[in-house]
């Protein structure tokens, strides 16, 4: 069900972010988010082993 909502919400939020920010801000914010997700993933994997 959420798949159908994301096809409408993602272009709207993506265009808003692209319109109101610069490319370095987008690059660094997504890089930090990916780093946090990777860190949480490593912590969860090593706690389950």
N, C-alpha and C. Protein backbone atom coordinates (compact mmCIF):
# COMPACT_ATOMS: atom_id res chain seq x y z
N UNK A 1 0.82 -1.20 0.00
CA UNK A 1 0.00 0.00 0.00
C UNK A 1 0.86 1.26 0.00
N UNK A 2 1.94 1.25 0.80
CA UNK A 2 2.81 2.42 0.86
C UNK A 2 3.53 2.65 -0.46
N UNK A 3 3.68 1.59 -1.25
CA UNK A 3 4.32 1.73 -2.54
C UNK A 3 3.55 2.71 -3.43
N UNK A 4 2.25 2.65 -3.38
CA UNK A 4 1.44 3.53 -4.21
C UNK A 4 1.50 4.98 -3.73
N UNK A 5 1.61 5.17 -2.42
CA UNK A 5 1.75 6.53 -1.90
C UNK A 5 3.10 7.13 -2.26
N UNK A 6 4.13 6.29 -2.25
CA UNK A 6 5.47 6.81 -2.51
C UNK A 6 5.63 7.29 -3.95
N UNK A 7 4.85 6.75 -4.87
CA UNK A 7 4.94 7.21 -6.25
C UNK A 7 4.43 8.63 -6.41
N UNK A 8 3.61 9.09 -5.47
CA UNK A 8 3.12 10.47 -5.51
C UNK A 8 3.91 11.39 -4.58
N UNK A 9 4.32 10.87 -3.44
CA UNK A 9 4.99 11.71 -2.44
C UNK A 9 6.45 11.96 -2.81
N UNK A 10 7.16 10.95 -3.31
CA UNK A 10 8.58 11.11 -3.60
C UNK A 10 8.88 12.20 -4.63
N UNK A 11 8.19 12.27 -5.75
CA UNK A 11 8.47 13.37 -6.67
C UNK A 11 8.17 14.75 -6.09
N UNK A 12 7.14 14.83 -5.27
CA UNK A 12 6.80 16.12 -4.66
C UNK A 12 7.87 16.57 -3.68
N UNK A 13 8.30 15.67 -2.80
CA UNK A 13 9.33 16.04 -1.83
C UNK A 13 10.67 16.24 -2.51
N UNK A 14 10.99 15.41 -3.50
CA UNK A 14 12.25 15.57 -4.22
C UNK A 14 12.33 16.88 -4.97
N UNK A 15 11.25 17.29 -5.60
CA UNK A 15 11.27 18.56 -6.32
C UNK A 15 11.32 19.73 -5.35
N UNK A 16 10.68 19.61 -4.19
CA UNK A 16 10.74 20.68 -3.20
C UNK A 16 12.16 20.84 -2.67
N UNK A 17 12.82 19.73 -2.35
CA UNK A 17 14.19 19.80 -1.85
C UNK A 17 15.12 20.35 -2.92
N UNK A 18 14.96 19.92 -4.16
CA UNK A 18 15.81 20.41 -5.24
C UNK A 18 15.60 21.90 -5.49
N UNK A 19 14.40 22.36 -5.29
CA UNK A 19 14.09 23.78 -5.53
C UNK A 19 14.61 24.68 -4.41
N UNK A 20 14.62 24.19 -3.17
CA UNK A 20 14.93 25.03 -2.02
C UNK A 20 16.30 24.81 -1.42
N UNK A 21 17.16 24.04 -2.07
CA UNK A 21 18.48 23.79 -1.50
C UNK A 21 19.52 23.72 -2.61
N UNK A 22 20.76 23.63 -2.19
CA UNK A 22 21.86 23.55 -3.15
C UNK A 22 22.38 22.12 -3.18
N UNK A 23 23.16 21.81 -4.22
CA UNK A 23 23.62 20.43 -4.35
C UNK A 23 24.58 20.02 -3.25
N UNK A 24 25.45 20.88 -2.69
CA UNK A 24 26.29 20.41 -1.58
C UNK A 24 25.47 20.01 -0.35
N UNK A 25 24.40 20.75 -0.09
CA UNK A 25 23.55 20.40 1.06
C UNK A 25 22.90 19.05 0.85
N UNK A 26 22.41 18.79 -0.35
CA UNK A 26 21.79 17.50 -0.65
C UNK A 26 22.82 16.38 -0.53
N UNK A 27 24.03 16.59 -1.07
CA UNK A 27 25.07 15.57 -1.01
C UNK A 27 25.45 15.24 0.42
N UNK A 28 25.73 16.26 1.23
CA UNK A 28 26.18 16.01 2.60
C UNK A 28 25.08 15.47 3.49
N UNK A 29 23.84 15.90 3.30
CA UNK A 29 22.76 15.38 4.13
C UNK A 29 22.49 13.91 3.82
N UNK A 30 22.50 13.53 2.55
CA UNK A 30 22.30 12.12 2.23
C UNK A 30 23.50 11.28 2.64
N UNK A 31 24.70 11.84 2.57
CA UNK A 31 25.89 11.11 3.02
C UNK A 31 25.83 10.85 4.51
N UNK A 32 25.41 11.84 5.29
CA UNK A 32 25.30 11.64 6.73
C UNK A 32 24.20 10.62 7.06
N UNK A 33 23.10 10.68 6.35
CA UNK A 33 22.02 9.72 6.58
C UNK A 33 22.48 8.30 6.26
N UNK A 34 23.21 8.14 5.16
CA UNK A 34 23.73 6.81 4.81
C UNK A 34 24.72 6.31 5.85
N UNK A 35 25.55 7.20 6.38
CA UNK A 35 26.50 6.82 7.43
C UNK A 35 25.79 6.36 8.69
N UNK A 36 24.74 7.05 9.08
CA UNK A 36 23.98 6.66 10.27
C UNK A 36 23.31 5.31 10.06
N UNK A 37 22.73 5.10 8.90
CA UNK A 37 22.07 3.82 8.61
C UNK A 37 23.09 2.69 8.60
N UNK A 38 24.28 2.94 8.04
CA UNK A 38 25.32 1.91 8.02
C UNK A 38 25.81 1.60 9.43
N UNK A 39 25.98 2.60 10.26
CA UNK A 39 26.41 2.39 11.64
C UNK A 39 25.38 1.59 12.42
N UNK A 40 24.12 1.93 12.28
CA UNK A 40 23.06 1.18 12.96
C UNK A 40 23.02 -0.26 12.46
N UNK A 41 23.21 -0.45 11.17
CA UNK A 41 23.23 -1.80 10.61
C UNK A 41 24.37 -2.63 11.17
N UNK A 42 25.57 -2.05 11.26
CA UNK A 42 26.71 -2.77 11.83
C UNK A 42 26.46 -3.13 13.29
N UNK A 43 25.91 -2.21 14.04
CA UNK A 43 25.63 -2.48 15.46
C UNK A 43 24.62 -3.61 15.60
N UNK A 44 23.57 -3.58 14.80
CA UNK A 44 22.56 -4.63 14.88
C UNK A 44 23.10 -5.98 14.43
N UNK A 45 23.91 -6.00 13.38
CA UNK A 45 24.46 -7.27 12.89
C UNK A 45 25.39 -7.88 13.92
N UNK A 46 26.28 -7.07 14.49
CA UNK A 46 27.25 -7.62 15.44
C UNK A 46 26.60 -7.99 16.76
N UNK A 47 25.48 -7.41 17.11
CA UNK A 47 24.76 -7.81 18.32
C UNK A 47 23.98 -9.10 18.10
N UNK A 48 23.63 -9.42 16.87
CA UNK A 48 22.88 -10.64 16.60
C UNK A 48 23.78 -11.86 16.40
N UNK A 49 25.06 -11.64 16.14
CA UNK A 49 25.99 -12.76 15.89
C UNK A 49 26.39 -13.40 17.20
